[in-house]
């Protein structure tokens, strides 16, 4: 049943089996272990983001509030709504700094950064003459990436960690993620370098077209394409936009700094997709139950091998936010 759910999440593309790459012999056998549910869970819980280190994660529960965890333990929590403003966390970095939006009734959303979540008031992130302001990701340096609209045109903007009262509009385009060295992945499948130059993501040999997964995680772009033979292929890029590795028969959702990857895997001879983990160009390992829900924005893989995600019951009546460790 979960295969059918992931088939909807992944789209309607057809893949003929899972094809092992030529260099799998050198790859170590992968393994993943379920570490249990996170505190504060309810049936309408979701993981909003996790740090590149894998140490921190932030979650949103419609019943129990918002939570910040460190190594699986709650370090801060706050209400869904405060002062007539609905809180929606978006991301957290490896120092536990949280970004998100607060939406007042009848008013536009306000972007924020919270150095000590749950204590004091968050700092509002502002841009003058902007019609819309939304935070997207925060890197380990503490720089916040977001986007604004002016005259219905989207622009990427950075609020530097040195002074969140300031901002720098870096160029047109809808941003997806930011690396620790300041490279920005854009929705247009380009990398915006700190010097303002644009660079296309490298197209792997034999790939006719590709799409990116719009999920901030480590600053490392991931996506999937179609080969000249008509099969689907996972693509993981380096932060400079060069190809790190590919695997046929999979769709990546997130990759850590080392290039370890989680995502959707087409099982040979079965309909739909299952969640999987793979290292480099190694053969993907399918998760045993409870298995994480493998949609964009649902899986966050840290450098410590810890995956934050949710799992869904067999009848789809319940969900739980959890952790797994993969290596």
C-alpha atoms as a PDB file:
ATOM      1  CA  UNK A   1       0.000   0.000   0.000  1.00  0.00           C
ATOM      2  CA  UNK A   2       2.827   2.365   0.766  1.00  0.00           C
ATOM      3  CA  UNK A   3       4.208   1.686  -2.710  1.00  0.00           C
ATOM      4  CA  UNK A   4       1.064   3.227  -4.173  1.00  0.00           C
ATOM      5  CA  UNK A   5       1.432   6.357  -2.030  1.00  0.00           C
ATOM      6  CA  UNK A   6       5.005   6.859  -3.138  1.00  0.00           C
ATOM      7  CA  UNK A   7       3.982   6.312  -6.742  1.00  0.00           C
ATOM      8  CA  UNK A   8       1.674   9.317  -6.429  1.00  0.00           C
ATOM      9  CA  UNK A   9       4.389  11.382  -4.765  1.00  0.00           C
ATOM     10  CA  UNK A  10       6.950  10.493  -7.390  1.00  0.00           C
ATOM     11  CA  UNK A  11       4.770  11.117 -10.428  1.00  0.00           C
ATOM     12  CA  UNK A  12       3.838   8.902 -13.328  1.00  0.00           C
ATOM     13  CA  UNK A  13       7.213   8.121 -14.906  1.00  0.00           C
ATOM     14  CA  UNK A  14       7.811   4.454 -15.651  1.00  0.00           C
ATOM     15  CA  UNK A  15      11.120   2.778 -14.825  1.00  0.00           C
ATOM     16  CA  UNK A  16      12.098  -0.686 -15.991  1.00  0.00           C
ATOM     17  CA  UNK A  17      13.584  -2.277 -12.890  1.00  0.00           C
ATOM     18  CA  UNK A  18      16.444  -1.207 -10.656  1.00  0.00           C
ATOM     19  CA  UNK A  19      19.723  -1.346 -12.553  1.00  0.00           C
ATOM     20  CA  UNK A  20      22.916  -1.682 -10.515  1.00  0.00           C
ATOM     21  CA  UNK A  21      25.750   0.588 -11.682  1.00  0.00           C
ATOM     22  CA  UNK A  22      29.022  -0.811 -12.915  1.00  0.00           C
ATOM     23  CA  UNK A  23      31.067   0.198  -9.860  1.00  0.00           C
ATOM     24  CA  UNK A  24      28.892  -1.336  -7.124  1.00  0.00           C
ATOM     25  CA  UNK A  25      31.523  -3.950  -6.310  1.00  0.00           C
ATOM     26  CA  UNK A  26      33.638  -1.343  -4.550  1.00  0.00           C
ATOM     27  CA  UNK A  27      30.724  -0.011  -2.459  1.00  0.00           C
ATOM     28  CA  UNK A  28      30.299  -1.204   1.125  1.00  0.00           C
ATOM     29  CA  UNK A  29      27.010  -2.861   2.091  1.00  0.00           C
ATOM     30  CA  UNK A  30      24.600  -0.186   3.328  1.00  0.00           C
ATOM     31  CA  UNK A  31      22.394  -0.534   6.411  1.00  0.00           C
ATOM     32  CA  UNK A  32      19.662   1.551   8.086  1.00  0.00           C
ATOM     33  CA  UNK A  33      18.272   1.217  11.609  1.00  0.00           C
ATOM     34  CA  UNK A  34      15.096   2.808  12.981  1.00  0.00           C
ATOM     35  CA  UNK A  35      15.905   4.880  16.089  1.00  0.00           C
ATOM     36  CA  UNK A  36      12.318   5.427  17.233  1.00  0.00           C
ATOM     37  CA  UNK A  37       9.776   8.241  17.264  1.00  0.00           C
ATOM     38  CA  UNK A  38      10.564  11.801  18.346  1.00  0.00           C
ATOM     39  CA  UNK A  39       8.831  13.387  21.375  1.00  0.00           C
ATOM     40  CA  UNK A  40       5.674  15.460  20.931  1.00  0.00           C
ATOM     41  CA  UNK A  41       4.223  13.423  18.105  1.00  0.00           C
ATOM     42  CA  UNK A  42       0.610  13.429  16.885  1.00  0.00           C
ATOM     43  CA  UNK A  43      -1.299  12.288  13.803  1.00  0.00           C
ATOM     44  CA  UNK A  44      -0.741  15.579  11.938  1.00  0.00           C
ATOM     45  CA  UNK A  45       2.998  15.926  12.512  1.00  0.00           C
ATOM     46  CA  UNK A  46       5.624  16.817   9.941  1.00  0.00           C
ATOM     47  CA  UNK A  47       9.367  17.384   9.846  1.00  0.00           C
ATOM     48  CA  UNK A  48       9.958  20.986   8.761  1.00  0.00           C
ATOM     49  CA  UNK A  49      13.736  20.809   8.408  1.00  0.00           C
ATOM     50  CA  UNK A  50      16.976  19.408   9.793  1.00  0.00           C
ATOM     51  CA  UNK A  51      20.567  20.566  10.072  1.00  0.00           C
ATOM     52  CA  UNK A  52      23.248  19.388   7.659  1.00  0.00           C
ATOM     53  CA  UNK A  53      25.010  17.805  10.631  1.00  0.00           C
ATOM     54  CA  UNK A  54      21.935  15.688  11.421  1.00  0.00           C
ATOM     55  CA  UNK A  55      22.114  16.794  15.051  1.00  0.00           C
ATOM     56  CA  UNK A  56      19.131  19.176  15.006  1.00  0.00           C
ATOM     57  CA  UNK A  57      15.646  18.925  13.525  1.00  0.00           C
ATOM     58  CA  UNK A  58      12.527  21.055  13.750  1.00  0.00           C
ATOM     59  CA  UNK A  59       8.968  19.784  13.503  1.00  0.00           C
ATOM     60  CA  UNK A  60       5.409  21.068  13.287  1.00  0.00           C
ATOM     61  CA  UNK A  61       2.509  19.432  15.111  1.00  0.00           C
ATOM     62  CA  UNK A  62      -0.950  20.937  14.702  1.00  0.00           C
ATOM     63  CA  UNK A  63      -1.976  19.580  18.099  1.00  0.00           C
ATOM     64  CA  UNK A  64       1.142  19.829  20.262  1.00  0.00           C
ATOM     65  CA  UNK A  65       2.980  22.833  18.817  1.00  0.00           C
ATOM     66  CA  UNK A  66       6.413  23.342  17.283  1.00  0.00           C
ATOM     67  CA  UNK A  67       9.472  21.405  18.413  1.00  0.00           C
ATOM     68  CA  UNK A  68      13.240  21.684  18.155  1.00  0.00           C
ATOM     69  CA  UNK A  69      15.144  18.459  18.826  1.00  0.00           C
ATOM     70  CA  UNK A  70      18.811  17.775  19.349  1.00  0.00           C
ATOM     71  CA  UNK A  71      19.949  14.173  18.944  1.00  0.00           C
ATOM     72  CA  UNK A  72      16.354  12.992  19.330  1.00  0.00           C
ATOM     73  CA  UNK A  73      15.589  14.966  22.515  1.00  0.00           C
ATOM     74  CA  UNK A  74      13.379  18.055  22.804  1.00  0.00           C
ATOM     75  CA  UNK A  75      15.395  21.204  23.523  1.00  0.00           C
ATOM     76  CA  UNK A  76      12.650  23.760  22.791  1.00  0.00           C
ATOM     77  CA  UNK A  77       8.934  23.907  22.027  1.00  0.00           C
ATOM     78  CA  UNK A  78       6.492  26.739  21.322  1.00  0.00           C
ATOM     79  CA  UNK A  79       2.803  27.140  20.398  1.00  0.00           C
ATOM     80  CA  UNK A  80       1.291  26.891  16.937  1.00  0.00           C
ATOM     81  CA  UNK A  81       0.057  30.448  17.367  1.00  0.00           C
ATOM     82  CA  UNK A  82       1.333  33.339  19.432  1.00  0.00           C
ATOM     83  CA  UNK A  83      -0.029  36.867  19.560  1.00  0.00           C
ATOM     84  CA  UNK A  84      -2.472  36.108  16.770  1.00  0.00           C
ATOM     85  CA  UNK A  85       0.335  34.914  14.477  1.00  0.00           C
ATOM     86  CA  UNK A  86       0.567  31.356  13.188  1.00  0.00           C
ATOM     87  CA  UNK A  87       4.125  29.977  13.363  1.00  0.00           C
ATOM     88  CA  UNK A  88       5.561  27.831  10.565  1.00  0.00           C
ATOM     89  CA  UNK A  89       9.199  26.711  10.997  1.00  0.00           C
ATOM     90  CA  UNK A  90      11.130  26.119   7.766  1.00  0.00           C
ATOM     91  CA  UNK A  91      14.706  25.067   8.548  1.00  0.00           C
ATOM     92  CA  UNK A  92      17.402  24.770  11.229  1.00  0.00           C
ATOM     93  CA  UNK A  93      21.200  24.805  11.013  1.00  0.00           C
ATOM     94  CA  UNK A  94      23.884  22.868  12.878  1.00  0.00           C
ATOM     95  CA  UNK A  95      23.902  25.433  15.704  1.00  0.00           C
ATOM     96  CA  UNK A  96      20.163  25.071  16.335  1.00  0.00           C
ATOM     97  CA  UNK A  97      19.199  28.414  14.768  1.00  0.00           C
ATOM     98  CA  UNK A  98      15.652  28.178  13.358  1.00  0.00           C
ATOM     99  CA  UNK A  99      14.049  30.126  10.514  1.00  0.00           C
ATOM    100  CA  UNK A 100      10.388  30.301   9.629  1.00  0.00           C
ATOM    101  CA  UNK A 101       7.362  32.488   9.039  1.00  0.00           C
ATOM    102  CA  UNK A 102       4.685  33.964  11.249  1.00  0.00           C
ATOM    103  CA  UNK A 103       1.368  34.784   9.633  1.00  0.00           C
ATOM    104  CA  UNK A 104      -1.061  37.153  11.357  1.00  0.00           C
ATOM    105  CA  UNK A 105      -4.775  36.824  10.664  1.00  0.00           C
ATOM    106  CA  UNK A 106      -5.588  38.943   7.644  1.00  0.00           C
ATOM    107  CA  UNK A 107      -1.994  40.004   7.089  1.00  0.00           C
ATOM    108  CA  UNK A 108       1.088  38.982   5.081  1.00  0.00           C
ATOM    109  CA  UNK A 109       3.599  36.470   6.445  1.00  0.00           C
ATOM    110  CA  UNK A 110       6.656  37.699   8.348  1.00  0.00           C
ATOM    111  CA  UNK A 111       9.983  35.892   7.930  1.00  0.00           C
ATOM    112  CA  UNK A 112      11.975  35.293  11.116  1.00  0.00           C
ATOM    113  CA  UNK A 113      15.225  33.874  12.475  1.00  0.00           C
ATOM    114  CA  UNK A 114      15.372  32.552  16.030  1.00  0.00           C
ATOM    115  CA  UNK A 115      18.815  32.089  17.579  1.00  0.00           C
ATOM    116  CA  UNK A 116      17.356  30.604  20.795  1.00  0.00           C
ATOM    117  CA  UNK A 117      14.011  29.025  19.833  1.00  0.00           C
ATOM    118  CA  UNK A 118      11.341  29.052  22.512  1.00  0.00           C
ATOM    119  CA  UNK A 119      13.041  31.882  24.426  1.00  0.00           C
ATOM    120  CA  UNK A 120      12.437  35.567  23.817  1.00  0.00           C
ATOM    121  CA  UNK A 121      11.215  36.848  20.485  1.00  0.00           C
ATOM    122  CA  UNK A 122      12.541  35.863  17.068  1.00  0.00           C
ATOM    123  CA  UNK A 123      14.155  38.498  14.845  1.00  0.00           C
ATOM    124  CA  UNK A 124      11.999  39.568  11.923  1.00  0.00           C
ATOM    125  CA  UNK A 125      13.756  39.414   8.552  1.00  0.00           C
ATOM    126  CA  UNK A 126      12.828  42.426   6.462  1.00  0.00           C
ATOM    127  CA  UNK A 127      13.403  43.711   2.928  1.00  0.00           C
ATOM    128  CA  UNK A 128      12.217  47.155   1.912  1.00  0.00           C
ATOM    129  CA  UNK A 129       9.812  47.518  -1.006  1.00  0.00           C
ATOM    130  CA  UNK A 130       9.097  43.777  -1.079  1.00  0.00           C
ATOM    131  CA  UNK A 131       5.613  42.493  -1.803  1.00  0.00           C
ATOM    132  CA  UNK A 132       6.354  39.060  -0.337  1.00  0.00           C
ATOM    133  CA  UNK A 133       9.163  37.786   1.874  1.00  0.00           C
ATOM    134  CA  UNK A 134       9.798  34.099   2.598  1.00  0.00           C
ATOM    135  CA  UNK A 135      12.788  32.317   4.202  1.00  0.00           C
ATOM    136  CA  UNK A 136      13.996  29.159   2.450  1.00  0.00           C
ATOM    137  CA  UNK A 137      17.145  27.774   4.131  1.00  0.00           C
ATOM    138  CA  UNK A 138      19.880  28.578   6.637  1.00  0.00           C
ATOM    139  CA  UNK A 139      23.447  27.316   6.290  1.00  0.00           C
ATOM    140  CA  UNK A 140      25.880  26.436   9.073  1.00  0.00           C
ATOM    141  CA  UNK A 141      27.467  29.878   8.821  1.00  0.00           C
ATOM    142  CA  UNK A 142      24.086  31.274   9.872  1.00  0.00           C
ATOM    143  CA  UNK A 143      23.346  33.091   6.618  1.00  0.00           C
ATOM    144  CA  UNK A 144      19.619  32.937   5.815  1.00  0.00           C
ATOM    145  CA  UNK A 145      18.476  32.426   2.224  1.00  0.00           C
ATOM    146  CA  UNK A 146      15.048  33.562   1.137  1.00  0.00           C
ATOM    147  CA  UNK A 147      13.125  35.035  -1.710  1.00  0.00           C
ATOM    148  CA  UNK A 148      11.122  38.182  -2.235  1.00  0.00           C
ATOM    149  CA  UNK A 149       8.835  39.470  -4.951  1.00  0.00           C
ATOM    150  CA  UNK A 150       8.882  42.928  -6.488  1.00  0.00           C
ATOM    151  CA  UNK A 151       6.441  43.722  -9.292  1.00  0.00           C
ATOM    152  CA  UNK A 152       5.610  39.981  -9.286  1.00  0.00           C
ATOM    153  CA  UNK A 153       9.267  39.070 -10.050  1.00  0.00           C
ATOM    154  CA  UNK A 154      11.109  36.699  -7.662  1.00  0.00           C
ATOM    155  CA  UNK A 155      14.554  37.530  -6.298  1.00  0.00           C
ATOM    156  CA  UNK A 156      16.930  35.578  -4.077  1.00  0.00           C
ATOM    157  CA  UNK A 157      17.945  37.423  -0.926  1.00  0.00           C
ATOM    158  CA  UNK A 158      20.455  36.746   1.857  1.00  0.00           C
ATOM    159  CA  UNK A 159      20.313  37.986   5.431  1.00  0.00           C
ATOM    160  CA  UNK A 160      23.913  37.646   6.720  1.00  0.00           C
ATOM    161  CA  UNK A 161      24.543  36.049  10.108  1.00  0.00           C
ATOM    162  CA  UNK A 162      26.685  39.050  11.061  1.00  0.00           C
ATOM    163  CA  UNK A 163      23.639  41.344  11.047  1.00  0.00           C
ATOM    164  CA  UNK A 164      20.122  40.057  10.393  1.00  0.00           C
ATOM    165  CA  UNK A 165      18.869  43.641  10.265  1.00  0.00           C
ATOM    166  CA  UNK A 166      20.584  43.925   6.864  1.00  0.00           C
ATOM    167  CA  UNK A 167      20.028  42.030   3.612  1.00  0.00           C
ATOM    168  CA  UNK A 168      21.485  41.581   0.169  1.00  0.00           C
ATOM    169  CA  UNK A 169      19.314  40.933  -2.882  1.00  0.00           C
ATOM    170  CA  UNK A 170      21.617  38.713  -4.919  1.00  0.00           C
ATOM    171  CA  UNK A 171      19.717  38.289  -8.167  1.00  0.00           C
ATOM    172  CA  UNK A 172      16.508  37.215  -9.899  1.00  0.00           C
ATOM    173  CA  UNK A 173      15.189  33.682  -9.497  1.00  0.00           C
ATOM    174  CA  UNK A 174      13.504  31.410  -6.984  1.00  0.00           C
ATOM    175  CA  UNK A 175      16.093  29.896  -4.589  1.00  0.00           C
ATOM    176  CA  UNK A 176      16.052  26.320  -3.261  1.00  0.00           C
ATOM    177  CA  UNK A 177      19.103  25.938  -0.991  1.00  0.00           C
ATOM    178  CA  UNK A 178      22.403  27.514   0.059  1.00  0.00           C
ATOM    179  CA  UNK A 179      25.742  25.822   0.742  1.00  0.00           C
ATOM    180  CA  UNK A 180      28.106  26.776   3.557  1.00  0.00           C
ATOM    181  CA  UNK A 181      30.336  28.585   1.058  1.00  0.00           C
ATOM    182  CA  UNK A 182      27.425  30.679  -0.208  1.00  0.00           C
ATOM    183  CA  UNK A 183      26.515  28.928  -3.467  1.00  0.00           C
ATOM    184  CA  UNK A 184      22.774  29.137  -4.121  1.00  0.00           C
ATOM    185  CA  UNK A 185      20.725  26.532  -5.980  1.00  0.00           C
ATOM    186  CA  UNK A 186      17.942  28.102  -8.035  1.00  0.00           C
ATOM    187  CA  UNK A 187      14.655  26.644  -9.225  1.00  0.00           C
ATOM    188  CA  UNK A 188      15.935  27.238 -12.767  1.00  0.00           C
ATOM    189  CA  UNK A 189      18.557  24.449 -12.243  1.00  0.00           C
ATOM    190  CA  UNK A 190      21.398  26.939 -12.026  1.00  0.00           C
ATOM    191  CA  UNK A 191      23.955  27.676  -9.314  1.00  0.00           C
ATOM    192  CA  UNK A 192      24.348  31.312  -8.285  1.00  0.00           C
ATOM    193  CA  UNK A 193      27.911  31.826  -7.063  1.00  0.00           C
ATOM    194  CA  UNK A 194      28.839  34.375  -4.368  1.00  0.00           C
ATOM    195  CA  UNK A 195      30.479  36.545  -7.059  1.00  0.00           C
ATOM    196  CA  UNK A 196      27.106  36.867  -8.806  1.00  0.00           C
ATOM    197  CA  UNK A 197      27.850  34.566 -11.752  1.00  0.00           C
ATOM    198  CA  UNK A 198      25.372  31.903 -12.856  1.00  0.00           C
ATOM    199  CA  UNK A 199      26.437  28.338 -13.665  1.00  0.00           C
ATOM    200  CA  UNK A 200      24.291  25.550 -15.111  1.00  0.00           C
ATOM    201  CA  UNK A 201      24.097  22.264 -13.233  1.00  0.00           C
ATOM    202  CA  UNK A 202      26.177  19.766 -15.180  1.00  0.00           C
ATOM    203  CA  UNK A 203      24.150  17.292 -17.249  1.00  0.00           C
ATOM    204  CA  UNK A 204      25.403  13.691 -16.833  1.00  0.00           C
ATOM    205  CA  UNK A 205      26.509  11.889 -19.966  1.00  0.00           C
ATOM    206  CA  UNK A 206      23.642  10.048 -21.628  1.00  0.00           C
ATOM    207  CA  UNK A 207      20.917  12.076 -19.867  1.00  0.00           C
ATOM    208  CA  UNK A 208      18.399  13.840 -22.110  1.00  0.00           C
ATOM    209  CA  UNK A 209      16.601  15.924 -19.455  1.00  0.00           C
ATOM    210  CA  UNK A 210      16.506  16.299 -15.682  1.00  0.00           C
ATOM    211  CA  UNK A 211      14.609  17.941 -12.827  1.00  0.00           C
ATOM    212  CA  UNK A 212      15.826  18.985  -9.381  1.00  0.00           C
ATOM    213  CA  UNK A 213      14.321  18.070  -6.037  1.00  0.00           C
ATOM    214  CA  UNK A 214      13.279  21.257  -4.274  1.00  0.00           C
ATOM    215  CA  UNK A 215      14.252  20.341  -0.738  1.00  0.00           C
ATOM    216  CA  UNK A 216      16.912  22.217   1.279  1.00  0.00           C
ATOM    217  CA  UNK A 217      19.225  19.906   3.185  1.00  0.00           C
ATOM    218  CA  UNK A 218      23.011  20.291   2.859  1.00  0.00           C
ATOM    219  CA  UNK A 219      23.541  22.658  -0.050  1.00  0.00           C
ATOM    220  CA  UNK A 220      24.158  19.637  -2.300  1.00  0.00           C
ATOM    221  CA  UNK A 221      21.688  19.597  -5.229  1.00  0.00           C
ATOM    222  CA  UNK A 222      19.833  16.382  -6.053  1.00  0.00           C
ATOM    223  CA  UNK A 223      17.456  15.457  -8.838  1.00  0.00           C
ATOM    224  CA  UNK A 224      16.555  12.866 -11.441  1.00  0.00           C
ATOM    225  CA  UNK A 225      16.668  12.582 -15.192  1.00  0.00           C
ATOM    226  CA  UNK A 226      15.915  10.374 -18.165  1.00  0.00           C
ATOM    227  CA  UNK A 227      18.617   8.529 -20.070  1.00  0.00           C
ATOM    228  CA  UNK A 228      18.787   8.084 -23.824  1.00  0.00           C
ATOM    229  CA  UNK A 229      17.634   4.494 -23.192  1.00  0.00           C
ATOM    230  CA  UNK A 230      14.473   5.811 -21.535  1.00  0.00           C
ATOM    231  CA  UNK A 231      15.296   4.774 -17.967  1.00  0.00           C
ATOM    232  CA  UNK A 232      15.139   7.034 -14.932  1.00  0.00           C
ATOM    233  CA  UNK A 233      18.354   8.039 -13.212  1.00  0.00           C
ATOM    234  CA  UNK A 234      19.172   9.623  -9.853  1.00  0.00           C
ATOM    235  CA  UNK A 235      21.616  12.555  -9.973  1.00  0.00           C
ATOM    236  CA  UNK A 236      23.577  13.982  -7.052  1.00  0.00           C
ATOM    237  CA  UNK A 237      25.679  17.080  -7.706  1.00  0.00           C
ATOM    238  CA  UNK A 238      28.531  18.701  -5.821  1.00  0.00           C
ATOM    239  CA  UNK A 239      27.954  22.200  -4.435  1.00  0.00           C
ATOM    240  CA  UNK A 240      29.774  23.649  -7.476  1.00  0.00           C
ATOM    241  CA  UNK A 241      27.229  22.040  -9.822  1.00  0.00           C
ATOM    242  CA  UNK A 242      29.413  19.206 -11.129  1.00  0.00           C
ATOM    243  CA  UNK A 243      27.974  15.683 -11.068  1.00  0.00           C
ATOM    244  CA  UNK A 244      28.990  13.638  -8.014  1.00  0.00           C
ATOM    245  CA  UNK A 245      27.295  10.340  -8.907  1.00  0.00           C
ATOM    246  CA  UNK A 246      24.288   8.756 -10.592  1.00  0.00           C
ATOM    247  CA  UNK A 247      22.176   5.644  -9.942  1.00  0.00           C
ATOM    248  CA  UNK A 248      19.587   4.250 -12.324  1.00  0.00           C
ATOM    249  CA  UNK A 249      16.087   3.445 -11.089  1.00  0.00           C
ATOM    250  CA  UNK A 250      15.940   5.982  -8.254  1.00  0.00           C
ATOM    251  CA  UNK A 251      14.811   9.504  -7.407  1.00  0.00           C
ATOM    252  CA  UNK A 252      16.823  11.279  -4.682  1.00  0.00           C
ATOM    253  CA  UNK A 253      15.172  13.470  -2.060  1.00  0.00           C
ATOM    254  CA  UNK A 254      18.235  14.496  -0.011  1.00  0.00           C
ATOM    255  CA  UNK A 255      21.987  13.892   0.155  1.00  0.00           C
ATOM    256  CA  UNK A 256      24.509  14.747   2.857  1.00  0.00           C
ATOM    257  CA  UNK A 257      27.976  16.265   2.454  1.00  0.00           C
ATOM    258  CA  UNK A 258      29.531  12.851   1.804  1.00  0.00           C
ATOM    259  CA  UNK A 259      27.026  12.181  -0.994  1.00  0.00           C
ATOM    260  CA  UNK A 260      25.057   9.502   0.869  1.00  0.00           C
ATOM    261  CA  UNK A 261      21.523   9.703  -0.475  1.00  0.00           C
ATOM    262  CA  UNK A 262      17.922   8.942   0.500  1.00  0.00           C
ATOM    263  CA  UNK A 263      14.978   8.940  -1.835  1.00  0.00           C
ATOM    264  CA  UNK A 264      12.579   6.849  -3.870  1.00  0.00           C
ATOM    265  CA  UNK A 265      13.559   3.559  -5.445  1.00  0.00           C
ATOM    266  CA  UNK A 266      11.712   1.593  -8.120  1.00  0.00           C
ATOM    267  CA  UNK A 267      11.639  -2.019  -7.001  1.00  0.00           C
ATOM    268  CA  UNK A 268      12.128  -4.523  -9.799  1.00  0.00           C
ATOM    269  CA  UNK A 269       8.876  -6.259 -10.702  1.00  0.00           C
ATOM    270  CA  UNK A 270       6.708  -4.142  -8.354  1.00  0.00           C
ATOM    271  CA  UNK A 271       4.437  -1.161  -8.881  1.00  0.00           C
ATOM    272  CA  UNK A 272       5.252   2.205  -7.355  1.00  0.00           C
ATOM    273  CA  UNK A 273       8.264   3.307  -5.324  1.00  0.00           C
ATOM    274  CA  UNK A 274       9.765   2.517  -1.937  1.00  0.00           C
ATOM    275  CA  UNK A 275      12.072   4.588   0.247  1.00  0.00           C
ATOM    276  CA  UNK A 276      15.752   3.735  -0.068  1.00  0.00           C
ATOM    277  CA  UNK A 277      19.274   4.715   0.949  1.00  0.00           C
ATOM    278  CA  UNK A 278      22.407   4.509  -1.182  1.00  0.00           C
ATOM    279  CA  UNK A 279      26.051   5.520  -0.931  1.00  0.00           C
ATOM    280  CA  UNK A 280      27.700   7.008  -3.983  1.00  0.00           C
ATOM    281  CA  UNK A 281      26.784   4.922  -7.007  1.00  0.00           C
ATOM    282  CA  UNK A 282      26.112   1.872  -4.849  1.00  0.00           C
ATOM    283  CA  UNK A 283      22.977  -0.245  -5.056  1.00  0.00           C
ATOM    284  CA  UNK A 284      20.096   1.324  -3.065  1.00  0.00           C
ATOM    285  CA  UNK A 285      18.973  -0.360   0.134  1.00  0.00           C
ATOM    286  CA  UNK A 286      15.200  -0.476   0.687  1.00  0.00           C
ATOM    287  CA  UNK A 287      14.065   0.443   4.206  1.00  0.00           C
ATOM    288  CA  UNK A 288      12.306  -2.149   6.319  1.00  0.00           C
ATOM    289  CA  UNK A 289       9.179  -1.073   8.207  1.00  0.00           C
ATOM    290  CA  UNK A 290       8.594   1.413   9.685  1.00  0.00           C
ATOM    291  CA  UNK A 291       9.923   3.032   6.551  1.00  0.00           C
ATOM    292  CA  UNK A 292      10.222   6.795   5.988  1.00  0.00           C
ATOM    293  CA  UNK A 293       7.849   8.631   3.705  1.00  0.00           C
ATOM    294  CA  UNK A 294       9.975   9.553   0.740  1.00  0.00           C
ATOM    295  CA  UNK A 295       8.554  12.731  -0.726  1.00  0.00           C
ATOM    296  CA  UNK A 296      10.361  16.056  -1.347  1.00  0.00           C
ATOM    297  CA  UNK A 297      10.616  17.955   1.913  1.00  0.00           C
ATOM    298  CA  UNK A 298       9.910  14.795   3.940  1.00  0.00           C
ATOM    299  CA  UNK A 299      13.459  13.406   4.278  1.00  0.00           C
ATOM    300  CA  UNK A 300      16.566  15.083   5.734  1.00  0.00           C
ATOM    301  CA  UNK A 301      19.844  13.162   5.839  1.00  0.00           C
ATOM    302  CA  UNK A 302      22.633  14.466   8.083  1.00  0.00           C
ATOM    303  CA  UNK A 303      26.382  14.105   7.905  1.00  0.00           C
ATOM    304  CA  UNK A 304      26.169  11.809  10.959  1.00  0.00           C
ATOM    305  CA  UNK A 305      24.021   9.388   8.940  1.00  0.00           C
ATOM    306  CA  UNK A 306      20.841  10.270  10.842  1.00  0.00           C
ATOM    307  CA  UNK A 307      17.687  10.590   8.737  1.00  0.00           C
ATOM    308  CA  UNK A 308      14.761  12.663  10.030  1.00  0.00           C
ATOM    309  CA  UNK A 309      11.448  11.875   8.374  1.00  0.00           C
ATOM    310  CA  UNK A 310       7.951  10.596   9.076  1.00  0.00           C
ATOM    311  CA  UNK A 311       6.425   7.170   8.615  1.00  0.00           C
ATOM    312  CA  UNK A 312       2.792   6.439   7.781  1.00  0.00           C
ATOM    313  CA  UNK A 313       0.706   3.524   9.048  1.00  0.00           C
ATOM    314  CA  UNK A 314      -0.395   0.830   6.625  1.00  0.00           C
ATOM    315  CA  UNK A 315      -3.945   2.244   6.464  1.00  0.00           C
ATOM    316  CA  UNK A 316      -2.707   5.862   6.238  1.00  0.00           C
ATOM    317  CA  UNK A 317      -4.668   6.742   9.394  1.00  0.00           C
ATOM    318  CA  UNK A 318      -1.631   7.800  11.415  1.00  0.00           C
ATOM    319  CA  UNK A 319       1.832   9.276  10.944  1.00  0.00           C
ATOM    320  CA  UNK A 320       4.818   9.653  13.257  1.00  0.00           C
ATOM    321  CA  UNK A 321       7.985  11.718  13.097  1.00  0.00           C
ATOM    322  CA  UNK A 322      11.036   9.545  13.604  1.00  0.00           C
ATOM    323  CA  UNK A 323      14.765   9.045  13.113  1.00  0.00           C
ATOM    324  CA  UNK A 324      16.814   6.400  11.323  1.00  0.00           C
ATOM    325  CA  UNK A 325      20.572   5.880  11.191  1.00  0.00           C
ATOM    326  CA  UNK A 326      22.102   4.840   7.881  1.00  0.00           C
ATOM    327  CA  UNK A 327      25.665   3.934   7.005  1.00  0.00           C
END
